[in-house]
C-alpha atoms as a PDB file:
ATOM      1  CA  UNK A   1     -10.129 -13.835  -3.202  1.00  0.00           C
ATOM      2  CA  UNK A   2     -13.673 -15.035  -3.993  1.00  0.00           C
ATOM      3  CA  UNK A   3     -14.831 -12.049  -1.903  1.00  0.00           C
ATOM      4  CA  UNK A   4     -12.793  -9.366  -3.620  1.00  0.00           C
ATOM      5  CA  UNK A   5     -13.615 -10.383  -7.408  1.00  0.00           C
ATOM      6  CA  UNK A   6     -16.956  -9.938  -6.225  1.00  0.00           C
ATOM      7  CA  UNK A   7     -16.468  -6.843  -5.055  1.00  0.00           C
ATOM      8  CA  UNK A   8     -15.101  -5.653  -7.874  1.00  0.00           C
ATOM      9  CA  UNK A   9     -17.869  -7.227 -10.251  1.00  0.00           C
ATOM     10  CA  UNK A  10     -20.547  -5.084  -8.168  1.00  0.00           C
ATOM     11  CA  UNK A  11     -18.834  -1.319  -8.432  1.00  0.00           C
ATOM     12  CA  UNK A  12     -17.450  -2.396 -11.861  1.00  0.00           C
ATOM     13  CA  UNK A  13     -19.078   0.652 -14.186  1.00  0.00           C
ATOM     14  CA  UNK A  14     -21.300  -1.709 -16.620  1.00  0.00           C
ATOM     15  CA  UNK A  15     -19.620  -0.620 -19.886  1.00  0.00           C
ATOM     16  CA  UNK A  16     -16.249  -1.389 -18.868  1.00  0.00           C
ATOM     17  CA  UNK A  17     -14.622  -4.638 -20.139  1.00  0.00           C
ATOM     18  CA  UNK A  18     -12.972  -7.564 -18.191  1.00  0.00           C
ATOM     19  CA  UNK A  19      -9.569  -6.752 -19.828  1.00  0.00           C
ATOM     20  CA  UNK A  20      -9.646  -3.073 -18.241  1.00  0.00           C
ATOM     21  CA  UNK A  21     -10.474  -4.171 -14.886  1.00  0.00           C
ATOM     22  CA  UNK A  22      -7.790  -7.046 -14.880  1.00  0.00           C
ATOM     23  CA  UNK A  23      -5.465  -4.142 -15.888  1.00  0.00           C
ATOM     24  CA  UNK A  24      -6.029  -2.375 -12.238  1.00  0.00           C
ATOM     25  CA  UNK A  25      -5.470  -5.577 -10.180  1.00  0.00           C
ATOM     26  CA  UNK A  26      -2.478  -6.133 -12.029  1.00  0.00           C
ATOM     27  CA  UNK A  27      -1.157  -2.418 -11.837  1.00  0.00           C
ATOM     28  CA  UNK A  28      -0.919  -1.685 -15.778  1.00  0.00           C
ATOM     29  CA  UNK A  29       1.366   1.536 -15.865  1.00  0.00           C
ATOM     30  CA  UNK A  30      -1.197   3.660 -17.894  1.00  0.00           C
ATOM     31  CA  UNK A  31      -3.032   6.776 -17.271  1.00  0.00           C
ATOM     32  CA  UNK A  32      -5.885   5.339 -18.534  1.00  0.00           C
ATOM     33  CA  UNK A  33      -6.223   2.673 -15.904  1.00  0.00           C
ATOM     34  CA  UNK A  34      -5.288   5.037 -12.854  1.00  0.00           C
ATOM     35  CA  UNK A  35      -8.543   6.890 -14.036  1.00  0.00           C
ATOM     36  CA  UNK A  36     -10.483   3.824 -14.155  1.00  0.00           C
ATOM     37  CA  UNK A  37      -9.494   2.341 -10.429  1.00  0.00           C
ATOM     38  CA  UNK A  38     -10.071   5.872  -9.134  1.00  0.00           C
ATOM     39  CA  UNK A  39     -13.471   6.084 -10.767  1.00  0.00           C
ATOM     40  CA  UNK A  40     -14.579   3.332  -9.754  1.00  0.00           C
ATOM     41  CA  UNK A  41     -13.454   2.957  -6.061  1.00  0.00           C
ATOM     42  CA  UNK A  42     -11.052   0.393  -7.237  1.00  0.00           C
ATOM     43  CA  UNK A  43      -7.972   2.419  -6.238  1.00  0.00           C
ATOM     44  CA  UNK A  44      -7.078   0.728  -3.357  1.00  0.00           C
ATOM     45  CA  UNK A  45      -7.538  -2.841  -5.110  1.00  0.00           C
ATOM     46  CA  UNK A  46      -5.075  -0.895  -8.051  1.00  0.00           C
ATOM     47  CA  UNK A  47      -1.598  -3.392  -8.441  1.00  0.00           C
ATOM     48  CA  UNK A  48      -3.341  -5.751  -5.578  1.00  0.00           C
ATOM     49  CA  UNK A  49      -2.880  -9.318  -7.939  1.00  0.00           C
ATOM     50  CA  UNK A  50       0.112  -8.413  -9.958  1.00  0.00           C
ATOM     51  CA  UNK A  51       1.223 -11.956 -10.590  1.00  0.00           C
ATOM     52  CA  UNK A  52      -2.532 -13.582 -11.495  1.00  0.00           C
ATOM     53  CA  UNK A  53      -2.956 -14.835 -15.248  1.00  0.00           C
ATOM     54  CA  UNK A  54      -5.626 -14.261 -17.097  1.00  0.00           C
ATOM     55  CA  UNK A  55      -6.930 -17.414 -17.465  1.00  0.00           C
ATOM     56  CA  UNK A  56      -7.268 -17.236 -13.645  1.00  0.00           C
ATOM     57  CA  UNK A  57      -8.876 -13.583 -13.594  1.00  0.00           C
ATOM     58  CA  UNK A  58     -11.838 -14.897 -15.716  1.00  0.00           C
ATOM     59  CA  UNK A  59     -12.585 -17.506 -13.244  1.00  0.00           C
ATOM     60  CA  UNK A  60     -12.529 -15.535 -10.254  1.00  0.00           C
ATOM     61  CA  UNK A  61     -14.134 -12.868 -12.087  1.00  0.00           C
ATOM     62  CA  UNK A  62     -17.233 -14.862 -13.554  1.00  0.00           C
ATOM     63  CA  UNK A  63     -18.043 -16.736 -10.175  1.00  0.00           C
ATOM     64  CA  UNK A  64     -21.810 -16.616  -9.407  1.00  0.00           C
ATOM     65  CA  UNK A  65     -22.839 -15.376  -5.836  1.00  0.00           C
ATOM     66  CA  UNK A  66     -23.851 -19.256  -5.352  1.00  0.00           C
ATOM     67  CA  UNK A  67     -20.263 -20.415  -5.883  1.00  0.00           C
ATOM     68  CA  UNK A  68     -18.404 -18.102  -3.091  1.00  0.00           C
ATOM     69  CA  UNK A  69     -17.537 -20.371  -0.102  1.00  0.00           C
ATOM     70  CA  UNK A  70     -17.374 -17.262   2.702  1.00  0.00           C
ATOM     71  CA  UNK A  71     -19.263 -14.166   2.786  1.00  0.00           C
ATOM     72  CA  UNK A  72     -16.684 -11.207   3.625  1.00  0.00           C
ATOM     73  CA  UNK A  73     -17.654  -7.322   2.848  1.00  0.00           C
ATOM     74  CA  UNK A  74     -14.343  -6.297   1.301  1.00  0.00           C
ATOM     75  CA  UNK A  75     -13.183  -2.866   2.242  1.00  0.00           C
ATOM     76  CA  UNK A  76     -11.269  -0.278  -0.200  1.00  0.00           C
ATOM     77  CA  UNK A  77      -9.945   2.842   0.508  1.00  0.00           C
ATOM     78  CA  UNK A  78     -10.321   5.662  -2.294  1.00  0.00           C
ATOM     79  CA  UNK A  79      -7.240   7.550  -2.110  1.00  0.00           C
ATOM     80  CA  UNK A  80      -4.695   5.321  -1.750  1.00  0.00           C
ATOM     81  CA  UNK A  81      -3.294   1.847  -4.072  1.00  0.00           C
ATOM     82  CA  UNK A  82      -2.809  -1.241  -2.913  1.00  0.00           C
ATOM     83  CA  UNK A  83       1.137  -0.889  -2.641  1.00  0.00           C
ATOM     84  CA  UNK A  84       0.656   2.500  -0.851  1.00  0.00           C
ATOM     85  CA  UNK A  85      -1.053   0.393   1.753  1.00  0.00           C
ATOM     86  CA  UNK A  86       1.719  -2.012   2.033  1.00  0.00           C
ATOM     87  CA  UNK A  87       4.483   0.051   2.104  1.00  0.00           C
ATOM     88  CA  UNK A  88       2.893   2.258   4.608  1.00  0.00           C
ATOM     89  CA  UNK A  89       2.579  -0.665   6.738  1.00  0.00           C
ATOM     90  CA  UNK A  90       6.302  -1.479   5.966  1.00  0.00           C
ATOM     91  CA  UNK A  91       7.372   1.187   6.976  1.00  0.00           C
ATOM     92  CA  UNK A  92       5.086   0.996  10.387  1.00  0.00           C
ATOM     93  CA  UNK A  93       6.969  -2.429  10.426  1.00  0.00           C
ATOM     94  CA  UNK A  94      10.285  -0.916  10.222  1.00  0.00           C
ATOM     95  CA  UNK A  95       9.841   1.579  12.673  1.00  0.00           C
ATOM     96  CA  UNK A  96       8.535  -0.752  15.374  1.00  0.00           C
ATOM     97  CA  UNK A  97      11.548  -3.118  14.599  1.00  0.00           C
ATOM     98  CA  UNK A  98      14.069  -0.604  14.833  1.00  0.00           C
ATOM     99  CA  UNK A  99      12.445   1.094  18.145  1.00  0.00           C
ATOM    100  CA  UNK A 100      12.667  -2.122  19.698  1.00  0.00           C
ATOM    101  CA  UNK A 101      15.950  -3.051  18.615  1.00  0.00           C
ATOM    102  CA  UNK A 102      17.269  -0.117  19.584  1.00  0.00           C
ATOM    103  CA  UNK A 103      16.190  -0.308  22.979  1.00  0.00           C
ATOM    104  CA  UNK A 104      17.489  -3.586  23.515  1.00  0.00           C
ATOM    105  CA  UNK A 105      21.018  -2.172  22.559  1.00  0.00           C
ATOM    106  CA  UNK A 106      21.043  -4.201  19.147  1.00  0.00           C
ATOM    107  CA  UNK A 107      22.310  -2.028  15.948  1.00  0.00           C
ATOM    108  CA  UNK A 108      23.014  -4.750  13.909  1.00  0.00           C
ATOM    109  CA  UNK A 109      20.032  -6.377  13.241  1.00  0.00           C
ATOM    110  CA  UNK A 110      18.674  -7.133   9.310  1.00  0.00           C
ATOM    111  CA  UNK A 111      16.011  -4.513   8.472  1.00  0.00           C
ATOM    112  CA  UNK A 112      12.922  -6.836   7.551  1.00  0.00           C
ATOM    113  CA  UNK A 113      12.581  -4.335   4.017  1.00  0.00           C
ATOM    114  CA  UNK A 114      14.957  -2.679   1.507  1.00  0.00           C
ATOM    115  CA  UNK A 115      13.305  -0.245  -0.061  1.00  0.00           C
ATOM    116  CA  UNK A 116      15.087   3.164   0.325  1.00  0.00           C
ATOM    117  CA  UNK A 117      11.971   5.011   0.113  1.00  0.00           C
ATOM    118  CA  UNK A 118      10.683   3.311   2.932  1.00  0.00           C
ATOM    119  CA  UNK A 119      14.259   3.398   4.807  1.00  0.00           C
ATOM    120  CA  UNK A 120      14.164   7.095   4.202  1.00  0.00           C
ATOM    121  CA  UNK A 121      10.760   7.972   5.313  1.00  0.00           C
ATOM    122  CA  UNK A 122      11.477   5.890   8.818  1.00  0.00           C
ATOM    123  CA  UNK A 123      14.762   7.157  10.038  1.00  0.00           C
ATOM    124  CA  UNK A 124      13.362  10.291   9.183  1.00  0.00           C
ATOM    125  CA  UNK A 125      10.121   9.602  11.627  1.00  0.00           C
ATOM    126  CA  UNK A 126      12.843   7.748  13.774  1.00  0.00           C
ATOM    127  CA  UNK A 127      15.656  10.898  14.101  1.00  0.00           C
ATOM    128  CA  UNK A 128      12.037  12.768  14.850  1.00  0.00           C
ATOM    129  CA  UNK A 129      11.027  11.215  17.488  1.00  0.00           C
ATOM    130  CA  UNK A 130      14.477  10.193  19.287  1.00  0.00           C
ATOM    131  CA  UNK A 131      15.140  14.407  19.375  1.00  0.00           C
ATOM    132  CA  UNK A 132      11.480  15.061  20.995  1.00  0.00           C
ATOM    133  CA  UNK A 133      11.596  11.793  23.633  1.00  0.00           C
ATOM    134  CA  UNK A 134       8.591  10.542  21.767  1.00  0.00           C
ATOM    135  CA  UNK A 135       9.288   7.164  21.463  1.00  0.00           C
ATOM    136  CA  UNK A 136       6.401   5.829  24.184  1.00  0.00           C
ATOM    137  CA  UNK A 137       3.685   8.517  22.233  1.00  0.00           C
ATOM    138  CA  UNK A 138       4.470   5.977  18.929  1.00  0.00           C
ATOM    139  CA  UNK A 139       3.816   2.821  21.089  1.00  0.00           C
ATOM    140  CA  UNK A 140       0.563   4.192  22.522  1.00  0.00           C
ATOM    141  CA  UNK A 141      -0.423   5.298  18.438  1.00  0.00           C
ATOM    142  CA  UNK A 142       0.174   2.127  17.764  1.00  0.00           C
ATOM    143  CA  UNK A 143      -1.614   0.117  20.182  1.00  0.00           C
ATOM    144  CA  UNK A 144      -4.876   3.184  19.800  1.00  0.00           C
ATOM    145  CA  UNK A 145      -4.426   1.833  15.952  1.00  0.00           C
ATOM    146  CA  UNK A 146      -4.649  -2.000  16.428  1.00  0.00           C
ATOM    147  CA  UNK A 147      -7.326  -1.597  19.261  1.00  0.00           C
ATOM    148  CA  UNK A 148      -9.308   0.719  16.340  1.00  0.00           C
ATOM    149  CA  UNK A 149      -8.680  -1.937  13.703  1.00  0.00           C
ATOM    150  CA  UNK A 150      -9.756  -4.631  15.895  1.00  0.00           C
ATOM    151  CA  UNK A 151     -13.091  -3.045  16.987  1.00  0.00           C
ATOM    152  CA  UNK A 152     -13.810  -1.886  13.105  1.00  0.00           C
ATOM    153  CA  UNK A 153     -13.012  -5.477  11.614  1.00  0.00           C
ATOM    154  CA  UNK A 154     -14.195  -7.681  14.308  1.00  0.00           C
ATOM    155  CA  UNK A 155     -10.563  -9.062  14.925  1.00  0.00           C
ATOM    156  CA  UNK A 156      -7.344  -8.352  13.686  1.00  0.00           C
ATOM    157  CA  UNK A 157      -4.622 -10.210  11.518  1.00  0.00           C
ATOM    158  CA  UNK A 158      -1.794  -7.946  10.327  1.00  0.00           C
ATOM    159  CA  UNK A 159      -0.746  -7.635  14.260  1.00  0.00           C
ATOM    160  CA  UNK A 160       1.185 -11.044  13.249  1.00  0.00           C
ATOM    161  CA  UNK A 161       3.282  -9.174  10.959  1.00  0.00           C
ATOM    162  CA  UNK A 162       5.111  -7.037  13.722  1.00  0.00           C
ATOM    163  CA  UNK A 163       8.528  -7.640  14.621  1.00  0.00           C
ATOM    164  CA  UNK A 164      11.035  -6.814  17.298  1.00  0.00           C
ATOM    165  CA  UNK A 165      13.406  -8.241  19.405  1.00  0.00           C
ATOM    166  CA  UNK A 166      13.834 -11.957  19.723  1.00  0.00           C
ATOM    167  CA  UNK A 167      10.128 -11.622  18.191  1.00  0.00           C
ATOM    168  CA  UNK A 168       9.822 -12.967  14.502  1.00  0.00           C
ATOM    169  CA  UNK A 169       6.931 -11.687  12.486  1.00  0.00           C
ATOM    170  CA  UNK A 170       5.188 -14.945  11.511  1.00  0.00           C
ATOM    171  CA  UNK A 171       4.827 -15.589   7.597  1.00  0.00           C
ATOM    172  CA  UNK A 172       1.322 -15.743   6.045  1.00  0.00           C
ATOM    173  CA  UNK A 173       1.258 -19.791   6.012  1.00  0.00           C
ATOM    174  CA  UNK A 174       1.793 -19.688   9.734  1.00  0.00           C
ATOM    175  CA  UNK A 175      -0.967 -17.622  10.531  1.00  0.00           C
ATOM    176  CA  UNK A 176      -3.469 -19.188   8.228  1.00  0.00           C
ATOM    177  CA  UNK A 177      -2.929 -22.318  10.197  1.00  0.00           C
ATOM    178  CA  UNK A 178      -3.000 -20.632  13.544  1.00  0.00           C
ATOM    179  CA  UNK A 179      -6.347 -18.884  12.569  1.00  0.00           C
ATOM    180  CA  UNK A 180      -7.675 -22.122  10.670  1.00  0.00           C
ATOM    181  CA  UNK A 181      -8.551 -19.975   7.377  1.00  0.00           C
ATOM    182  CA  UNK A 182      -7.522 -20.243   3.481  1.00  0.00           C
ATOM    183  CA  UNK A 183      -4.760 -17.911   2.808  1.00  0.00           C
ATOM    184  CA  UNK A 184      -7.053 -16.174   0.021  1.00  0.00           C
ATOM    185  CA  UNK A 185      -9.427 -15.675   2.438  1.00  0.00           C
ATOM    186  CA  UNK A 186      -6.388 -13.889   4.613  1.00  0.00           C
ATOM    187  CA  UNK A 187      -5.701 -12.083   2.403  1.00  0.00           C
ATOM    188  CA  UNK A 188      -8.851 -10.315   2.012  1.00  0.00           C
ATOM    189  CA  UNK A 189      -8.824  -9.998   5.436  1.00  0.00           C
ATOM    190  CA  UNK A 190      -5.173  -8.542   5.641  1.00  0.00           C
ATOM    191  CA  UNK A 191      -6.888  -5.918   3.044  1.00  0.00           C
ATOM    192  CA  UNK A 192      -9.423  -5.509   5.483  1.00  0.00           C
ATOM    193  CA  UNK A 193      -6.994  -4.093   8.052  1.00  0.00           C
ATOM    194  CA  UNK A 194      -4.938  -2.380   6.023  1.00  0.00           C
ATOM    195  CA  UNK A 195      -7.796  -0.313   4.658  1.00  0.00           C
ATOM    196  CA  UNK A 196      -9.038   0.577   7.859  1.00  0.00           C
ATOM    197  CA  UNK A 197      -5.475   1.555   9.220  1.00  0.00           C
ATOM    198  CA  UNK A 198      -4.920   3.972   6.495  1.00  0.00           C
ATOM    199  CA  UNK A 199      -8.764   5.229   7.219  1.00  0.00           C
ATOM    200  CA  UNK A 200      -7.041   5.940  10.854  1.00  0.00           C
ATOM    201  CA  UNK A 201      -3.425   7.182   9.922  1.00  0.00           C
ATOM    202  CA  UNK A 202      -4.870   9.537   7.917  1.00  0.00           C
ATOM    203  CA  UNK A 203      -6.547  11.767  11.081  1.00  0.00           C
ATOM    204  CA  UNK A 204      -2.799  13.342  11.837  1.00  0.00           C
ATOM    205  CA  UNK A 205      -4.686  14.895  14.843  1.00  0.00           C
ATOM    206  CA  UNK A 206      -5.107  11.422  16.336  1.00  0.00           C
ATOM    207  CA  UNK A 207      -1.669   9.892  14.823  1.00  0.00           C
ATOM    208  CA  UNK A 208       0.248  12.735  14.549  1.00  0.00           C
ATOM    209  CA  UNK A 209       3.744  10.377  14.027  1.00  0.00           C
ATOM    210  CA  UNK A 210       1.868   6.856  12.513  1.00  0.00           C
ATOM    211  CA  UNK A 211       0.441   9.558   9.663  1.00  0.00           C
ATOM    212  CA  UNK A 212       3.822  10.852   9.020  1.00  0.00           C
ATOM    213  CA  UNK A 213       4.294   6.844   7.353  1.00  0.00           C
ATOM    214  CA  UNK A 214       2.300   7.079   5.101  1.00  0.00           C
ATOM    215  CA  UNK A 215       3.867   6.589   1.656  1.00  0.00           C
ATOM    216  CA  UNK A 216       2.126   7.877  -1.382  1.00  0.00           C
ATOM    217  CA  UNK A 217       1.963   5.744  -4.563  1.00  0.00           C
ATOM    218  CA  UNK A 218       4.979   6.202  -7.242  1.00  0.00           C
ATOM    219  CA  UNK A 219       4.491   8.277 -10.277  1.00  0.00           C
ATOM    220  CA  UNK A 220       5.642   7.879 -13.274  1.00  0.00           C
ATOM    221  CA  UNK A 221       9.113   9.512 -14.317  1.00  0.00           C
ATOM    222  CA  UNK A 222       7.719  11.814 -17.048  1.00  0.00           C
ATOM    223  CA  UNK A 223       4.754  12.300 -14.585  1.00  0.00           C
ATOM    224  CA  UNK A 224       7.333  12.973 -11.861  1.00  0.00           C
ATOM    225  CA  UNK A 225       9.273  15.331 -14.264  1.00  0.00           C
ATOM    226  CA  UNK A 226       5.795  17.491 -14.480  1.00  0.00           C
ATOM    227  CA  UNK A 227       5.419  17.332 -10.602  1.00  0.00           C
ATOM    228  CA  UNK A 228       8.689  19.082 -10.296  1.00  0.00           C
ATOM    229  CA  UNK A 229       7.719  21.527 -12.841  1.00  0.00           C
ATOM    230  CA  UNK A 230       4.339  22.422 -11.302  1.00  0.00           C
ATOM    231  CA  UNK A 231       6.123  22.944  -7.942  1.00  0.00           C
ATOM    232  CA  UNK A 232       8.391  25.875 -10.012  1.00  0.00           C
ATOM    233  CA  UNK A 233       5.382  27.863 -11.050  1.00  0.00           C
ATOM    234  CA  UNK A 234       5.530  26.224 -14.556  1.00  0.00           C
ATOM    235  CA  UNK A 235       1.990  25.945 -16.592  1.00  0.00           C
ATOM    236  CA  UNK A 236       0.956  22.991 -17.882  1.00  0.00           C
ATOM    237  CA  UNK A 237       0.977  25.004 -21.506  1.00  0.00           C
ATOM    238  CA  UNK A 238       4.647  25.779 -20.197  1.00  0.00           C
ATOM    239  CA  UNK A 239       5.332  21.626 -19.813  1.00  0.00           C
ATOM    240  CA  UNK A 240       3.899  20.609 -22.729  1.00  0.00           C
ATOM    241  CA  UNK A 241       6.434  22.994 -24.152  1.00  0.00           C
ATOM    242  CA  UNK A 242       9.101  22.147 -22.510  1.00  0.00           C
ATOM    243  CA  UNK A 243       8.832  18.270 -22.630  1.00  0.00           C
ATOM    244  CA  UNK A 244       7.383  18.580 -26.762  1.00  0.00           C
ATOM    245  CA  UNK A 245       4.638  16.906 -26.032  1.00  0.00           C
ATOM    246  CA  UNK A 246       0.729  17.910 -26.525  1.00  0.00           C
ATOM    247  CA  UNK A 247      -1.471  19.473 -23.908  1.00  0.00           C
ATOM    248  CA  UNK A 248      -3.444  16.177 -23.511  1.00  0.00           C
ATOM    249  CA  UNK A 249       0.012  14.144 -22.401  1.00  0.00           C
ATOM    250  CA  UNK A 250      -0.058  17.145 -19.502  1.00  0.00           C
ATOM    251  CA  UNK A 251      -3.579  17.092 -18.516  1.00  0.00           C
ATOM    252  CA  UNK A 252      -2.988  13.081 -17.956  1.00  0.00           C
ATOM    253  CA  UNK A 253       0.118  13.887 -15.804  1.00  0.00           C
ATOM    254  CA  UNK A 254      -1.746  16.284 -13.659  1.00  0.00           C
ATOM    255  CA  UNK A 255      -4.676  13.781 -13.396  1.00  0.00           C
ATOM    256  CA  UNK A 256      -2.247  11.065 -12.108  1.00  0.00           C
ATOM    257  CA  UNK A 257      -0.667  13.719  -9.239  1.00  0.00           C
ATOM    258  CA  UNK A 258      -3.970  14.134  -8.141  1.00  0.00           C
ATOM    259  CA  UNK A 259      -5.473  10.285  -7.946  1.00  0.00           C
ATOM    260  CA  UNK A 260      -2.218   9.697  -6.206  1.00  0.00           C
ATOM    261  CA  UNK A 261      -2.095  12.460  -3.704  1.00  0.00           C
ATOM    262  CA  UNK A 262       0.342  14.951  -4.725  1.00  0.00           C
ATOM    263  CA  UNK A 263      -1.710  17.557  -5.634  1.00  0.00           C
ATOM    264  CA  UNK A 264      -5.337  18.606  -3.775  1.00  0.00           C
ATOM    265  CA  UNK A 265      -6.146  21.791  -5.006  1.00  0.00           C
ATOM    266  CA  UNK A 266      -8.491  21.691  -7.593  1.00  0.00           C
ATOM    267  CA  UNK A 267      -9.289  25.257  -7.969  1.00  0.00           C
ATOM    268  CA  UNK A 268      -6.093  25.624  -9.709  1.00  0.00           C
ATOM    269  CA  UNK A 269      -6.615  23.735 -12.279  1.00  0.00           C
ATOM    270  CA  UNK A 270     -10.442  24.072 -12.606  1.00  0.00           C
ATOM    271  CA  UNK A 271     -11.130  28.154 -11.572  1.00  0.00           C
ATOM    272  CA  UNK A 272     -14.986  28.626 -12.721  1.00  0.00           C
ATOM    273  CA  UNK A 273     -15.648  25.088 -13.609  1.00  0.00           C
ATOM    274  CA  UNK A 274     -15.332  23.693  -9.739  1.00  0.00           C
ATOM    275  CA  UNK A 275     -19.006  24.732  -9.249  1.00  0.00           C
ATOM    276  CA  UNK A 276     -20.461  23.092 -12.237  1.00  0.00           C
ATOM    277  CA  UNK A 277     -23.701  21.735 -12.669  1.00  0.00           C
ATOM    278  CA  UNK A 278     -22.027  18.394 -13.716  1.00  0.00           C
ATOM    279  CA  UNK A 279     -20.822  17.740  -9.683  1.00  0.00           C
ATOM    280  CA  UNK A 280     -24.296  17.220  -9.079  1.00  0.00           C
ATOM    281  CA  UNK A 281     -25.394  15.589 -12.016  1.00  0.00           C
ATOM    282  CA  UNK A 282     -22.351  13.000 -11.681  1.00  0.00           C
ATOM    283  CA  UNK A 283     -22.894  12.259  -8.293  1.00  0.00           C
ATOM    284  CA  UNK A 284     -26.740  10.582  -9.793  1.00  0.00           C
ATOM    285  CA  UNK A 285     -25.079   9.483 -12.957  1.00  0.00           C
ATOM    286  CA  UNK A 286     -21.574   8.035 -11.987  1.00  0.00           C
ATOM    287  CA  UNK A 287     -22.349   5.037 -14.445  1.00  0.00           C
ATOM    288  CA  UNK A 288     -22.064   6.742 -17.618  1.00  0.00           C
ATOM    289  CA  UNK A 289     -19.755   7.072 -20.515  1.00  0.00           C
ATOM    290  CA  UNK A 290     -17.039  10.363 -20.565  1.00  0.00           C
ATOM    291  CA  UNK A 291     -18.726  11.074 -24.059  1.00  0.00           C
ATOM    292  CA  UNK A 292     -21.928  11.193 -22.743  1.00  0.00           C
ATOM    293  CA  UNK A 293     -21.265  13.995 -20.017  1.00  0.00           C
ATOM    294  CA  UNK A 294     -19.619  15.781 -22.733  1.00  0.00           C
ATOM    295  CA  UNK A 295     -22.464  16.005 -24.813  1.00  0.00           C
ATOM    296  CA  UNK A 296     -24.271  17.000 -21.761  1.00  0.00           C
ATOM    297  CA  UNK A 297     -21.874  19.667 -20.496  1.00  0.00           C
ATOM    298  CA  UNK A 298     -20.354  20.317 -23.576  1.00  0.00           C
ATOM    299  CA  UNK A 299     -18.656  23.762 -22.355  1.00  0.00           C
ATOM    300  CA  UNK A 300     -16.669  21.104 -19.764  1.00  0.00           C
ATOM    301  CA  UNK A 301     -13.330  19.930 -21.316  1.00  0.00           C
ATOM    302  CA  UNK A 302     -12.526  16.381 -20.800  1.00  0.00           C
ATOM    303  CA  UNK A 303      -9.740  17.045 -18.576  1.00  0.00           C
ATOM    304  CA  UNK A 304     -12.114  19.144 -16.371  1.00  0.00           C
ATOM    305  CA  UNK A 305     -14.509  16.575 -16.128  1.00  0.00           C
ATOM    306  CA  UNK A 306     -12.200  13.976 -15.205  1.00  0.00           C
ATOM    307  CA  UNK A 307     -10.091  15.701 -12.836  1.00  0.00           C
ATOM    308  CA  UNK A 308     -14.088  16.627 -11.033  1.00  0.00           C
ATOM    309  CA  UNK A 309     -14.868  13.126 -10.915  1.00  0.00           C
ATOM    310  CA  UNK A 310     -11.439  12.550  -9.415  1.00  0.00           C
ATOM    311  CA  UNK A 311     -12.211  15.095  -6.365  1.00  0.00           C
ATOM    312  CA  UNK A 312     -15.514  13.437  -5.871  1.00  0.00           C
ATOM    313  CA  UNK A 313     -14.282   9.528  -5.587  1.00  0.00           C
ATOM    314  CA  UNK A 314     -11.507  10.601  -3.762  1.00  0.00           C
ATOM    315  CA  UNK A 315     -13.903  12.643  -1.485  1.00  0.00           C
ATOM    316  CA  UNK A 316     -12.609  16.161  -1.804  1.00  0.00           C
ATOM    317  CA  UNK A 317     -14.851  17.965  -3.813  1.00  0.00           C
ATOM    318  CA  UNK A 318     -18.886  17.632  -3.092  1.00  0.00           C
ATOM    319  CA  UNK A 319     -22.070  18.686  -5.274  1.00  0.00           C
ATOM    320  CA  UNK A 320     -24.114  21.366  -3.680  1.00  0.00           C
END
């Protein structure tokens, strides 16, 4: 994990506390943590180490460059959390397992995951493949994906975790022994594979089947309620009134929906502020505190400032 923590050190805003970074990697369910992860390009590390204790975190986080035993460039994704990467790969694993088993007339196999969200997604995609006779197209996409990962990372490790008829997947300990790598380094290499995987299958033209297996991060319950309201045409003021909360709370829900990829129409919430000078300023001054941005651009609300930052960091808003 040394390389991962070195990457975090290099990308953390200078004024952020160690505790706020710890909250990101353990996956604290707070809107401030969601924003911290997104605004520092750490979203794909959110909830990546949920069980790490704070003393261990401090030890890793405060390692000097000379103490790092291996050198690896850690990859991150600006639009998906760690859980989203893992769940998407599990969907790929389950669909691969399902096709392999059923091609061999074995319908009594034990699914490698019991997550209902993943089961539902895979069931939908499998039905689509069967009806359109596209099983071979899925296999072709899978080959193309792993070739792309291998090319980008000069190797691949997550292929060890695919499972099919009479072909069980390996454990990380087994892969560690096969490849002669420490398990902590293997974790980082697998993370890089997952990040490249997600960049690849975001392209729905190249991967029309695998793209359908992308699993978005889970929403907080109250945010989900707001999302349902927005889909029905309610305004943020309507939602605040219905939920009997302040508008700031609904704004946090909307930010979470953008951060996690459920909303993408920035114009609907930014209106005339979308092309403000702030976009250009932020690109050159990413390491400032929110209050500094507010002082320089007093006409913009904190919500507007945050939403523009989210859009830029996710790669969905661009300066002129």
